[in-house]
Amino acid sequence: MPPVQRYAKRWRALTSLPKPLSLKKLITILPGYDPYRDAGDCKFDATKANRFIHLWESALTHVKGDLAGQPYLLEPHEKAIIANLIGWQRPDGTRRYRHVFYFVPRGNSKSTLAAGLVIMFLAFDGEPGAEIYSTASKRDQAKIVRDIAKGMILNQPLLTISADITNTAIVFGDRSYKHLAAEATGAHGLNVYVSVNDEIHAHRTRDFIDVVDTGMGKRAQPVRIDITTSDYQREGSICNELHDYAGKVRDGEIDDLAFLPVIFEVSKKELEEDPDYWKDPKVWARVNPMLGKAIPLDYFERQFHRAENSPAFENEFKRLHLNIRTESEERLLSMDNWNGMCGGELDISKYEGKQAVGAGLDLGNTSDLNAFCLIFEREGEGDREFDAFWWHWTPIAKAEERQRQDQGANYTAWGRDGWLKLTPGNETSYKTVSSDIGEIGKHFGIPDIAVDRNFQGAETCQRLREDYGFEVTEFGQGFQSMGQPTKYFVDLVNKGLIHHGDNPCVRWQAANLQGEMNAAGDIKPHKARSGNKIDGIVALVMALGMAMERDAPQESWYETHSESTFISY
């Protein structure tokens, strides 16, 4: 028997329908969503959905890991997605759903499901001249779905003999599949039948997705499938826009019978009711349908324990593994450590006449908060331990106004209690700041002062040098300058080796502190909003940077970096 006939016979055997699955209840298991509620005149065809699922599990295989080469047997939530998408029909016989939003954390086989959908619509749907596309923000990400789809085809001889595979496309007769990246060009002029958009959160703007979406207008029953993990909270996020819309469809706030919301997440409401809700293993399993399968439980537990012990990693864990939308920056400090191990009263008088090991000055504008920090090293053996002291300035005329704007601030009380100086009028003169530092220098040995070059930093540097005789270093605020001191600061806090004397103004700033990370993993202090002041913390980090500089053997760390890098912003 010729090979083609042998394959055809085997194919008929593969596609014969077994005893139907009970799908009418299965399609209701998607979190919080009832597909019957807004169905209108649409009907669910269980036979059609059953046939599609059986064909999937007969034809497709896994291509990676321990299951490579084995049949792709769908998990219950995957069957529910596919059964809803394929089984629901409009009165005219076309599919009900035109847009699927699949929101699930990292590791739950999103790309494998995406590749399976590509092949099923390409090889078996029957749309004349179908154009199938998988998309991503970057070329490498776009290739992931394409490579899995190619592997599935090569694992199944009945698909291989029908497919023409090149570097840019996979073709079945008059139907084609291509992978596209937003960073490339050529997305205009498409006649899209199905688009599978991987990791929507990675798109910085909505432009590319909108271009692909507008290419669907010529098809009678196009399908757009968005598959993604959560994005950060940021302006212009198409992922956040879609997630918010999907949540309203799921909850019945918006009637959209063509939109299928599939949302696995720890919700904002759940966290508001119990901030520790994300720590419950039962919640992990609810949000991660592949936990214990595609996601090893021991790996997940290790990631959780890392998040518990590293505030800088906590946001990343919440976003990537629990689909919690977090701020774009990472929180740096454990306030339990700050208030506990680092707390306790300090007496600055014991350092009278002694030399500080670091000094930092962070200048805001004249109507804002300004901060100066000195750090002294405690005597004793073992790890180095520091006491930190601050002087803050803000204009009295602006204090009440700013504490209404700056959530959690209590400038008037802090001024009354001596934690900051309320200067006369609407502005704090930089001359006042310089003069006060000159007075401080009469009581304590002040080493080189690190000064933030922002705002009037250059002018203040000159005044401190010429009028008061201090050595001053213009300290950059970029990753190169702030990265190492910031990591050192976080390490000191986590070990309880830096003490702040329960300064309430600085405690407020420590709670505001977040971290901004670059691609190299360097972290620098940052704040989410203008009212979340961190001037005192920045002054401390710069002071630690100068202490590190003095302790560095032989060649200075800063001398290994160009001046332009050192003072970069």
Protein backbone atom coordinates (compact mmCIF):
# COMPACT_ATOMS: atom_id res chain seq x y z
CA MET A 1 0.00 0.00 0.00
CA PRO A 2 1.45 3.42 -0.93
CA PRO A 3 2.65 5.49 2.05
CA VAL A 4 0.04 8.20 1.55
CA GLN A 5 -2.78 5.64 1.63
CA ARG A 6 -1.32 4.02 4.74
CA TYR A 7 -1.20 7.39 6.46
CA ALA A 8 -4.75 8.21 5.36
CA LYS A 9 -6.04 4.97 6.83
CA ARG A 10 -4.26 5.61 10.11
CA TRP A 11 -5.60 9.15 10.13
CA ARG A 12 -9.20 7.97 9.85
CA ALA A 13 -8.55 5.67 12.80
CA LEU A 14 -7.11 8.53 14.82
CA THR A 15 -10.03 10.82 14.20
CA SER A 16 -12.84 8.39 14.97
CA LEU A 17 -14.82 9.81 17.88
CA PRO A 18 -14.73 7.87 21.18
CA LYS A 19 -17.35 8.05 23.89
CA PRO A 20 -18.05 11.78 24.32
CA LEU A 21 -16.61 13.60 27.29
CA SER A 22 -19.03 15.34 29.62
CA LEU A 23 -18.24 18.87 28.51
CA LYS A 24 -21.34 20.82 29.47
CA LYS A 25 -20.14 21.03 33.07
CA LEU A 26 -16.45 21.13 32.22
CA ILE A 27 -16.83 24.40 30.35
CA THR A 28 -17.98 26.08 33.57
CA ILE A 29 -14.77 25.40 35.56
CA LEU A 30 -12.93 28.50 34.32
CA PRO A 31 -12.37 30.76 37.37
CA GLY A 32 -15.38 32.92 38.13
CA TYR A 33 -16.86 32.71 34.64
CA ASP A 34 -20.21 31.26 33.57
CA PRO A 35 -20.35 30.90 29.75
CA TYR A 36 -24.10 30.27 29.87
CA ARG A 37 -24.88 33.60 31.54
CA ASP A 38 -24.35 35.84 28.51
CA ALA A 39 -24.75 33.24 25.77
CA GLY A 40 -27.85 34.80 24.23
CA ASP A 41 -28.92 32.77 21.17
CA CYS A 42 -25.63 30.84 21.07
CA LYS A 43 -25.68 27.08 21.62
CA PHE A 44 -23.02 24.72 22.90
CA ASP A 45 -22.20 21.84 20.54
CA ALA A 46 -20.56 19.21 22.74
CA THR A 47 -19.95 16.86 19.80
CA LYS A 48 -17.96 19.47 17.89
CA ALA A 49 -15.88 20.31 20.96
CA ASN A 50 -15.37 16.64 21.77
CA ARG A 51 -14.13 15.87 18.27
CA PHE A 52 -11.65 18.76 18.35
CA ILE A 53 -10.24 17.67 21.74
CA HIS A 54 -9.93 14.04 20.63
CA LEU A 55 -8.17 15.09 17.46
CA TRP A 56 -5.80 17.29 19.47
CA GLU A 57 -4.85 14.48 21.84
CA SER A 58 -4.48 12.01 18.98
CA ALA A 59 -2.36 14.17 16.70
CA LEU A 60 -0.25 16.38 18.94
CA THR A 61 2.67 15.50 21.18
CA HIS A 62 4.86 17.21 23.71
CA VAL A 63 8.26 18.26 22.40
CA LYS A 64 10.20 19.18 25.55
CA GLY A 65 11.09 17.71 28.92
CA ASP A 66 10.16 14.33 30.35
CA LEU A 67 6.97 14.16 28.25
CA ALA A 68 8.72 14.78 24.91
CA GLY A 69 7.22 12.54 22.23
CA GLN A 70 4.22 11.55 24.33
CA PRO A 71 0.64 12.49 23.38
CA TYR A 72 -0.44 15.97 24.41
CA LEU A 73 -3.23 15.07 26.83
CA LEU A 74 -5.02 18.21 27.82
CA GLU A 75 -5.47 19.22 31.45
CA PRO A 76 -9.03 19.99 32.62
CA HIS A 77 -8.58 23.78 32.42
CA GLU A 78 -7.10 23.44 28.91
CA LYS A 79 -10.05 21.29 27.84
CA ALA A 80 -12.41 23.90 29.27
CA ILE A 81 -10.73 26.66 27.25
CA ILE A 82 -10.79 24.68 24.02
CA ALA A 83 -14.29 23.29 24.52
CA ASN A 84 -15.65 26.80 25.07
CA LEU A 85 -13.79 28.20 22.08
CA ILE A 86 -14.77 25.42 19.67
CA GLY A 87 -18.13 24.23 21.02
CA TRP A 88 -20.07 27.47 21.32
CA GLN A 89 -21.84 28.38 18.06
CA ARG A 90 -23.82 31.39 16.94
CA PRO A 91 -27.17 30.94 15.16
CA ASP A 92 -25.41 31.37 11.80
CA GLY A 93 -23.07 28.45 12.55
CA THR A 94 -19.95 30.51 13.20
CA ARG A 95 -18.03 30.41 16.46
CA ARG A 96 -19.33 32.47 19.35
CA TYR A 97 -15.96 33.50 20.75
CA ARG A 98 -13.71 35.81 18.77
CA HIS A 99 -11.34 36.84 21.56
CA VAL A 100 -9.76 34.67 24.27
CA PHE A 101 -7.79 36.25 27.11
CA TYR A 102 -5.78 33.55 28.91
CA PHE A 103 -4.15 35.05 32.00
CA VAL A 104 -2.00 32.53 33.86
CA PRO A 105 1.32 32.66 35.76
CA ARG A 106 4.70 31.63 34.44
CA GLY A 107 5.42 27.95 33.90
CA ASN A 108 1.85 26.81 33.19
CA SER A 109 2.65 25.63 29.63
CA LYS A 110 1.24 28.73 27.94
CA SER A 111 3.52 28.48 24.90
CA THR A 112 2.82 24.77 24.45
CA LEU A 113 -0.92 25.42 24.41
CA ALA A 114 -0.36 28.31 21.99
CA ALA A 115 1.58 26.04 19.63
CA GLY A 116 -1.16 23.42 19.77
CA LEU A 117 -3.79 26.00 18.88
CA VAL A 118 -1.68 27.15 15.93
CA ILE A 119 -1.47 23.63 14.49
CA MET A 120 -5.10 22.75 15.07
CA PHE A 121 -6.38 25.85 13.30
CA LEU A 122 -3.76 25.49 10.57
CA ALA A 123 -4.14 21.80 9.78
CA PHE A 124 -7.71 20.90 10.71
CA ASP A 125 -10.03 23.91 10.77
CA GLY A 126 -10.61 24.12 7.03
CA GLU A 127 -10.73 27.89 6.59
CA PRO A 128 -9.83 28.60 2.94
CA GLY A 129 -6.57 30.53 2.64
CA ALA A 130 -6.23 30.75 6.41
CA GLU A 131 -3.43 32.96 7.69
CA ILE A 132 -2.37 31.97 11.21
CA TYR A 133 0.06 34.10 13.19
CA SER A 134 1.75 33.80 16.54
CA THR A 135 3.16 37.05 17.82
CA ALA A 136 5.43 38.32 20.57
CA SER A 137 7.26 41.50 21.42
CA LYS A 138 10.72 40.10 20.58
CA ARG A 139 12.01 37.74 17.89
CA ASP A 140 13.32 35.21 20.40
CA GLN A 141 9.98 35.05 22.20
CA ALA A 142 8.11 34.74 18.90
CA LYS A 143 10.31 31.79 17.92
CA ILE A 144 9.36 29.84 21.04
CA VAL A 145 5.82 29.08 19.86
CA ARG A 146 7.04 28.51 16.29
CA ASP A 147 9.70 26.01 17.40
CA ILE A 148 7.24 24.06 19.55
CA ALA A 149 4.72 23.95 16.69
CA LYS A 150 7.42 22.74 14.31
CA GLY A 151 8.43 20.02 16.78
CA MET A 152 4.84 18.83 17.14
CA ILE A 153 4.53 18.53 13.36
CA LEU A 154 7.80 16.62 13.02
CA ASN A 155 6.72 14.23 15.79
CA GLN A 156 3.58 13.25 13.85
CA PRO A 157 4.18 11.65 10.42
CA LEU A 158 0.60 12.35 9.36
CA LEU A 159 1.29 16.05 9.81
CA THR A 160 4.83 15.97 8.44
CA ILE A 161 3.82 14.66 5.01
CA SER A 162 1.29 17.48 4.63
CA ALA A 163 3.46 20.35 5.85
CA ASP A 164 5.93 22.50 3.98
CA ILE A 165 8.26 23.91 6.65
CA THR A 166 10.66 26.79 5.99
CA ASN A 167 12.48 29.23 8.26
CA THR A 168 9.72 31.79 7.88
CA ALA A 169 6.51 29.79 7.47
CA ILE A 170 4.71 26.48 7.87
CA VAL A 171 2.28 25.79 5.04
CA PHE A 172 -0.56 23.28 4.72
CA GLY A 173 -1.98 23.59 1.20
CA ASP A 174 -3.40 27.11 0.89
CA ARG A 175 -3.13 27.72 4.64
CA SER A 176 -0.05 29.26 6.26
CA TYR A 177 1.43 30.02 9.66
CA LYS A 178 4.07 32.63 10.45
CA HIS A 179 5.57 34.02 13.64
CA LEU A 180 5.86 37.79 13.99
CA ALA A 181 7.71 40.08 16.41
CA ALA A 182 6.77 43.62 17.30
CA GLU A 183 10.40 44.72 16.99
CA ALA A 184 10.34 43.69 13.32
CA THR A 185 8.34 45.25 10.50
CA GLY A 186 5.86 43.81 8.03
CA ALA A 187 2.72 43.40 10.15
CA HIS A 188 0.62 45.64 7.90
CA GLY A 189 -1.56 44.24 5.13
CA LEU A 190 -2.31 40.93 6.83
CA ASN A 191 -5.49 38.90 6.32
CA VAL A 192 -5.54 37.29 9.74
CA TYR A 193 -7.71 34.28 10.53
CA VAL A 194 -6.16 33.40 13.89
CA SER A 195 -3.63 35.34 15.96
CA VAL A 196 -2.06 33.79 19.04
CA ASN A 197 -0.37 36.61 20.94
CA ASP A 198 2.19 35.35 23.44
CA GLU A 199 3.14 37.34 26.57
CA ILE A 200 1.10 40.46 25.91
CA HIS A 201 2.60 42.04 29.03
CA ALA A 202 5.97 42.38 27.28
CA HIS A 203 4.63 44.86 24.72
CA ARG A 204 5.58 48.40 25.69
CA THR A 205 2.76 49.88 23.58
CA ARG A 206 -0.43 48.58 21.99
CA ASP A 207 0.50 49.58 18.41
CA PHE A 208 1.67 46.20 17.11
CA ILE A 209 -1.24 44.24 18.58
CA ASP A 210 -3.68 46.76 17.13
CA VAL A 211 -2.14 46.35 13.67
CA VAL A 212 -2.53 42.57 13.82
CA ASP A 213 -6.06 42.94 15.16
CA THR A 214 -7.17 45.19 12.32
CA GLY A 215 -6.04 42.48 9.89
CA MET A 216 -8.97 40.30 11.00
CA GLY A 217 -11.71 42.42 9.49
CA LYS A 218 -12.07 40.35 6.31
CA ARG A 219 -12.75 37.02 8.05
CA ALA A 220 -16.18 35.66 9.00
CA GLN A 221 -15.07 34.07 12.28
CA PRO A 222 -11.54 35.20 13.18
CA VAL A 223 -10.05 34.31 16.54
CA ARG A 224 -7.67 36.37 18.63
CA ILE A 225 -6.02 34.51 21.51
CA ASP A 226 -3.99 36.52 24.04
CA ILE A 227 -1.85 34.43 26.38
CA THR A 228 0.08 36.23 29.11
CA THR A 229 1.41 36.58 32.61
CA SER A 230 0.65 39.75 34.57
CA ASP A 231 2.24 43.07 33.73
CA TYR A 232 3.48 45.67 36.19
CA GLN A 233 1.28 48.62 37.07
CA ARG A 234 2.29 51.12 34.40
CA GLU A 235 0.81 53.65 32.04
CA GLY A 236 -0.04 52.45 28.53
CA SER A 237 -0.05 48.73 29.32
CA ILE A 238 -2.24 46.85 26.85
CA CYS A 239 -2.00 43.80 29.13
CA ASN A 240 -3.47 45.70 32.07
CA GLU A 241 -6.16 47.19 29.85
CA LEU A 242 -7.17 43.74 28.60
CA HIS A 243 -7.01 42.23 32.07
CA ASP A 244 -9.32 44.89 33.48
CA TYR A 245 -11.77 44.39 30.62
CA ALA A 246 -11.64 40.60 30.98
CA GLY A 247 -12.35 40.88 34.69
CA LYS A 248 -15.46 42.95 34.02
CA VAL A 249 -16.70 40.41 31.44
CA ARG A 250 -16.04 37.57 33.88
CA ASP A 251 -17.89 39.36 36.67
CA GLY A 252 -20.87 40.31 34.51
CA GLU A 253 -20.18 44.04 34.57
CA ILE A 254 -19.78 44.03 30.77
CA ASP A 255 -21.87 41.89 28.41
CA ASP A 256 -19.60 40.58 25.65
CA LEU A 257 -20.64 37.15 24.43
CA ALA A 258 -17.66 37.05 22.02
CA PHE A 259 -15.02 37.49 24.75
CA LEU A 260 -13.75 34.47 26.73
CA PRO A 261 -12.00 35.52 29.97
CA VAL A 262 -9.69 32.89 31.49
CA ILE A 263 -8.12 34.47 34.56
CA PHE A 264 -5.93 32.64 37.07
CA GLU A 265 -4.83 35.17 39.69
CA VAL A 266 -4.73 36.30 43.29
CA SER A 267 -7.12 39.22 43.12
CA LYS A 268 -6.62 42.68 44.57
CA LYS A 269 -9.71 42.19 46.74
CA GLU A 270 -8.31 38.98 48.24
CA LEU A 271 -5.06 40.73 49.14
CA GLU A 272 -6.88 43.71 50.64
CA GLU A 273 -8.84 41.36 52.90
CA ASP A 274 -5.73 39.37 53.85
CA PRO A 275 -2.28 40.73 52.87
CA ASP A 276 -0.75 37.29 53.58
CA TYR A 277 -3.23 35.49 51.32
CA TRP A 278 -0.51 34.94 48.71
CA LYS A 279 1.46 32.78 51.16
CA ASP A 280 -1.18 30.01 51.31
CA PRO A 281 -0.17 26.84 49.35
CA LYS A 282 -3.84 26.27 48.53
CA VAL A 283 -3.83 29.62 46.75
CA TRP A 284 -0.71 28.63 44.80
CA ALA A 285 -2.50 25.56 43.47
CA ARG A 286 -5.66 27.48 42.59
CA VAL A 287 -3.73 30.11 40.65
CA ASN A 288 -1.29 27.67 39.02
CA PRO A 289 -3.28 24.87 37.37
CA MET A 290 -0.04 23.09 36.36
CA LEU A 291 1.53 23.13 39.84
CA GLY A 292 2.93 19.69 40.55
CA LYS A 293 2.96 18.90 36.81
CA ALA A 294 4.72 21.36 34.54
CA ILE A 295 5.78 23.32 37.65
CA PRO A 296 7.64 21.18 40.23
CA LEU A 297 6.32 21.88 43.71
CA ASP A 298 9.79 22.02 45.27
CA TYR A 299 10.84 24.68 42.76
CA PHE A 300 7.77 26.76 43.59
CA GLU A 301 8.43 26.45 47.32
CA ARG A 302 12.04 27.57 46.85
CA GLN A 303 10.86 30.63 44.94
CA PHE A 304 8.35 31.40 47.68
CA HIS A 305 10.95 31.17 50.46
CA ARG A 306 13.25 33.41 48.46
CA ALA A 307 10.42 35.95 48.18
CA GLU A 308 9.77 35.73 51.93
CA ASN A 309 13.38 36.58 52.70
CA SER A 310 14.05 39.07 49.92
CA PRO A 311 11.72 42.05 49.60
CA ALA A 312 13.44 42.88 46.32
CA PHE A 313 12.25 39.52 44.93
CA GLU A 314 8.80 39.51 46.55
CA ASN A 315 7.16 41.63 43.85
CA GLU A 316 8.69 39.52 41.10
CA PHE A 317 7.39 36.32 42.70
CA LYS A 318 3.92 37.79 43.16
CA ARG A 319 3.71 39.00 39.58
CA LEU A 320 5.27 36.06 37.74
CA HIS A 321 4.02 33.18 39.88
CA LEU A 322 0.70 34.46 41.26
CA ASN A 323 -0.37 36.98 38.60
CA ILE A 324 -0.52 39.83 41.09
CA ARG A 325 -0.11 43.17 39.37
CA THR A 326 2.68 44.96 41.22
CA GLU A 327 4.36 48.33 41.00
CA SER A 328 7.01 48.61 38.31
CA GLU A 329 9.74 48.94 40.92
CA GLU A 330 10.66 46.42 43.57
CA ARG A 331 10.35 47.06 47.31
CA LEU A 332 13.82 46.86 48.79
CA LEU A 333 13.46 46.61 52.55
CA SER A 334 11.74 44.41 55.08
CA MET A 335 10.14 46.86 57.48
CA ASP A 336 10.16 44.12 60.11
CA ASN A 337 13.96 44.17 59.94
CA TRP A 338 14.06 47.95 59.81
CA ASN A 339 11.86 48.39 62.86
CA GLY A 340 13.27 45.41 64.74
CA MET A 341 16.95 44.56 64.42
CA CYS A 342 17.86 48.07 63.20
CA GLY A 343 15.79 49.95 65.75
CA GLY A 344 16.48 51.26 69.25
CA GLU A 345 17.49 54.64 70.61
CA LEU A 346 20.83 56.20 69.69
CA ASP A 347 22.82 58.90 71.48
CA ILE A 348 24.79 61.02 69.04
CA SER A 349 26.67 62.74 71.86
CA LYS A 350 28.88 59.68 72.29
CA TYR A 351 30.37 60.45 68.89
CA GLU A 352 31.25 64.06 69.84
CA GLY A 353 34.68 64.84 68.41
CA LYS A 354 34.88 61.53 66.56
CA GLN A 355 35.29 60.94 62.86
CA ALA A 356 32.32 59.74 60.81
CA VAL A 357 33.04 57.12 58.16
CA GLY A 358 30.55 58.43 55.62
CA ALA A 359 28.54 61.54 54.79
CA GLY A 360 25.80 62.06 52.21
CA LEU A 361 23.70 65.06 51.21
CA ASP A 362 20.57 64.69 49.08
CA LEU A 363 19.07 67.96 47.89
CA GLY A 364 15.53 68.37 46.69
CA ASN A 365 14.21 71.66 45.42
CA THR A 366 14.02 74.54 47.87
CA SER A 367 10.36 73.90 48.74
CA ASP A 368 10.94 70.19 49.27
CA LEU A 369 12.64 67.86 51.75
CA ASN A 370 16.44 67.94 51.99
CA ALA A 371 18.55 65.46 53.94
CA PHE A 372 22.08 65.12 55.32
CA CYS A 373 23.35 61.85 56.82
CA LEU A 374 26.42 60.91 58.85
CA ILE A 375 27.35 57.32 59.64
CA PHE A 376 29.68 56.22 62.43
CA GLU A 377 31.16 52.76 62.85
CA ARG A 378 30.55 51.00 66.13
CA GLU A 379 33.52 49.63 67.98
CA GLY A 380 33.84 45.89 68.37
CA GLU A 381 34.83 42.71 66.63
CA GLY A 382 32.95 40.82 63.98
CA ASP A 383 30.92 42.33 61.16
CA ARG A 384 31.07 46.08 60.69
CA GLU A 385 28.14 47.82 62.36
CA PHE A 386 27.01 51.39 61.84
CA ASP A 387 24.95 54.10 63.53
CA ALA A 388 23.27 56.59 61.21
CA PHE A 389 22.11 60.12 62.05
CA TRP A 390 20.12 62.53 59.90
CA TRP A 391 19.36 66.21 59.58
CA HIS A 392 16.35 67.19 57.46
CA TRP A 393 15.11 70.57 56.26
CA THR A 394 11.76 71.66 54.83
CA PRO A 395 10.05 75.10 54.74
CA ILE A 396 7.49 75.67 57.48
CA ALA A 397 5.04 77.42 55.14
CA LYS A 398 4.87 74.29 52.99
CA ALA A 399 4.88 71.69 55.77
CA GLU A 400 1.13 71.31 56.25
CA GLU A 401 0.45 71.43 52.51
CA ARG A 402 3.10 68.82 51.76
CA GLN A 403 2.01 66.43 54.47
CA ARG A 404 -1.45 66.41 52.91
CA GLN A 405 0.15 65.50 49.59
CA ASP A 406 2.85 63.17 50.92
CA GLN A 407 0.90 60.22 52.29
CA GLY A 408 2.12 59.19 55.75
CA ALA A 409 4.24 62.30 56.32
CA ASN A 410 3.89 64.33 59.53
CA TYR A 411 6.33 67.18 59.00
CA THR A 412 4.88 69.46 61.67
CA ALA A 413 5.16 66.81 64.40
CA TRP A 414 8.64 65.80 63.28
CA GLY A 415 9.67 69.45 63.34
CA ARG A 416 8.22 69.91 66.81
CA ASP A 417 10.06 66.83 68.08
CA GLY A 418 13.38 67.82 66.53
CA TRP A 419 13.61 65.21 63.77
CA LEU A 420 13.69 67.86 61.05
CA LYS A 421 14.22 71.60 60.83
CA LEU A 422 11.27 73.70 59.69
CA THR A 423 12.87 76.67 57.96
CA PRO A 424 11.14 80.08 57.69
CA GLY A 425 9.07 80.99 54.66
CA ASN A 426 8.18 79.07 51.51
CA GLU A 427 11.66 77.87 50.64
CA THR A 428 14.70 76.37 52.30
CA SER A 429 17.81 78.26 51.29
CA TYR A 430 20.71 76.04 50.30
CA LYS A 431 22.84 78.53 52.23
CA THR A 432 20.95 77.46 55.35
CA VAL A 433 21.69 73.81 54.62
CA SER A 434 25.39 74.55 54.04
CA SER A 435 25.59 76.68 57.18
CA ASP A 436 23.97 74.00 59.33
CA ILE A 437 26.37 71.37 58.00
CA GLY A 438 29.19 73.75 58.90
CA GLU A 439 27.87 73.82 62.48
CA ILE A 440 27.60 70.01 62.55
CA GLY A 441 31.25 69.88 61.48
CA LYS A 442 32.24 71.72 64.66
CA HIS A 443 31.11 68.71 66.70
CA PHE A 444 31.90 65.71 64.49
CA GLY A 445 34.60 64.85 62.02
CA ILE A 446 32.97 64.97 58.60
CA PRO A 447 34.74 63.06 55.82
CA ASP A 448 34.24 63.66 52.11
CA ILE A 449 30.59 64.55 51.59
CA ALA A 450 28.78 62.79 48.75
CA VAL A 451 26.41 65.31 47.17
CA ASP A 452 23.69 64.53 44.67
CA ARG A 453 24.44 66.71 41.66
CA ASN A 454 20.74 67.17 40.86
CA PHE A 455 19.06 70.54 41.40
CA GLN A 456 21.54 72.99 42.98
CA GLY A 457 24.10 70.35 43.88
CA ALA A 458 27.00 71.95 42.02
CA GLU A 459 26.45 75.32 43.72
CA THR A 460 26.20 73.68 47.13
CA CYS A 461 29.36 71.67 46.50
CA GLN A 462 31.26 74.88 45.81
CA ARG A 463 29.89 76.57 48.94
CA LEU A 464 30.75 73.61 51.19
CA ARG A 465 34.27 73.56 49.80
CA GLU A 466 35.05 77.26 49.77
CA ASP A 467 33.10 78.53 52.78
CA TYR A 468 33.46 75.59 55.15
CA GLY A 469 36.51 73.68 53.96
CA PHE A 470 34.80 70.32 53.40
CA GLU A 471 35.91 67.82 50.82
CA VAL A 472 33.00 67.15 48.48
CA THR A 473 32.38 64.44 45.88
CA GLU A 474 29.69 64.94 43.28
CA PHE A 475 27.90 61.60 43.48
CA GLY A 476 25.96 60.30 40.48
CA GLN A 477 22.53 58.73 40.84
CA GLY A 478 22.85 56.13 38.07
CA PHE A 479 23.19 52.37 38.45
CA GLN A 480 27.00 52.42 38.25
CA SER A 481 27.33 54.81 41.18
CA MET A 482 24.40 53.68 43.34
CA GLY A 483 24.32 49.95 42.59
CA GLN A 484 26.98 48.62 44.97
CA PRO A 485 26.13 50.96 47.89
CA THR A 486 22.44 50.08 47.57
CA LYS A 487 23.15 46.35 47.73
CA TYR A 488 25.40 46.94 50.74
CA PHE A 489 22.68 48.97 52.45
CA VAL A 490 20.05 46.27 51.94
CA ASP A 491 22.48 43.64 53.25
CA LEU A 492 23.17 45.71 56.38
CA VAL A 493 19.45 46.10 57.07
CA ASN A 494 18.77 42.39 56.56
CA LYS A 495 21.56 41.56 59.04
CA GLY A 496 20.62 44.26 61.53
CA LEU A 497 24.01 45.94 61.18
CA ILE A 498 22.86 49.52 60.63
CA HIS A 499 20.93 51.47 63.26
CA HIS A 500 18.70 54.49 62.75
CA GLY A 501 17.65 55.52 66.25
CA ASP A 502 13.94 55.07 65.50
CA ASN A 503 13.92 58.27 63.45
CA PRO A 504 10.25 58.51 62.38
CA CYS A 505 10.98 60.70 59.36
CA VAL A 506 13.46 58.14 58.03
CA ARG A 507 11.17 55.23 58.93
CA TRP A 508 8.51 56.78 56.69
CA GLN A 509 11.05 57.10 53.89
CA ALA A 510 12.23 53.51 54.34
CA ALA A 511 8.65 52.35 53.87
CA ASN A 512 8.47 54.41 50.66
CA LEU A 513 11.66 52.92 49.28
CA GLN A 514 11.52 50.79 46.18
CA GLY A 515 14.23 49.61 43.87
CA GLU A 516 14.74 50.10 40.18
CA MET A 517 16.68 47.30 38.49
CA ASN A 518 18.52 47.32 35.19
CA ALA A 519 19.19 44.38 32.85
CA ALA A 520 22.50 43.65 34.60
CA GLY A 521 20.75 43.20 37.95
CA ASP A 522 22.03 46.45 39.49
CA ILE A 523 19.60 48.16 41.86
CA LYS A 524 19.27 51.78 42.87
CA PRO A 525 16.80 53.55 45.20
CA HIS A 526 13.58 54.70 43.64
CA LYS A 527 10.11 55.83 44.63
CA ALA A 528 6.78 55.07 42.99
CA ARG A 529 5.28 58.55 43.38
CA SER A 530 6.60 62.07 43.88
CA GLY A 531 5.07 62.26 47.36
CA ASN A 532 6.93 59.17 48.54
CA LYS A 533 10.09 60.87 49.77
CA ILE A 534 13.33 58.90 50.13
CA ASP A 535 15.87 61.74 50.44
CA GLY A 536 17.25 60.54 53.77
CA ILE A 537 17.71 57.00 52.47
CA VAL A 538 19.50 58.27 49.37
CA ALA A 539 21.80 60.35 51.59
CA LEU A 540 22.55 57.23 53.65
CA VAL A 541 23.28 55.12 50.56
CA MET A 542 25.67 57.77 49.25
CA ALA A 543 27.38 57.91 52.66
CA LEU A 544 27.83 54.14 52.56
CA GLY A 545 29.20 54.48 49.04
CA MET A 546 31.87 56.86 50.29
CA ALA A 547 32.68 54.52 53.19
CA MET A 548 33.08 51.66 50.70
CA GLU A 549 35.32 53.89 48.58
CA ARG A 550 37.63 54.60 51.52
CA ASP A 551 37.85 50.93 52.45
CA ALA A 552 38.60 49.75 48.90
CA PRO A 553 42.19 48.46 48.69
CA GLN A 554 44.62 50.00 46.19
CA GLU A 555 42.68 51.06 43.10
CA SER A 556 39.50 52.96 43.83
CA TRP A 557 36.29 51.35 42.56
CA TYR A 558 35.22 54.69 41.20
CA GLU A 559 38.56 55.13 39.42
CA THR A 560 37.75 52.03 37.37
CA HIS A 561 34.71 53.85 35.95
CA SER A 562 34.80 56.88 33.70
CA GLU A 563 33.84 60.26 35.13
CA SER A 564 30.92 60.40 32.72
CA THR A 565 29.67 57.11 34.11
CA PHE A 566 30.25 58.14 37.71
CA ILE A 567 28.16 61.28 37.47
CA SER A 568 25.56 59.80 35.15
CA TYR A 569 21.87 59.92 35.89
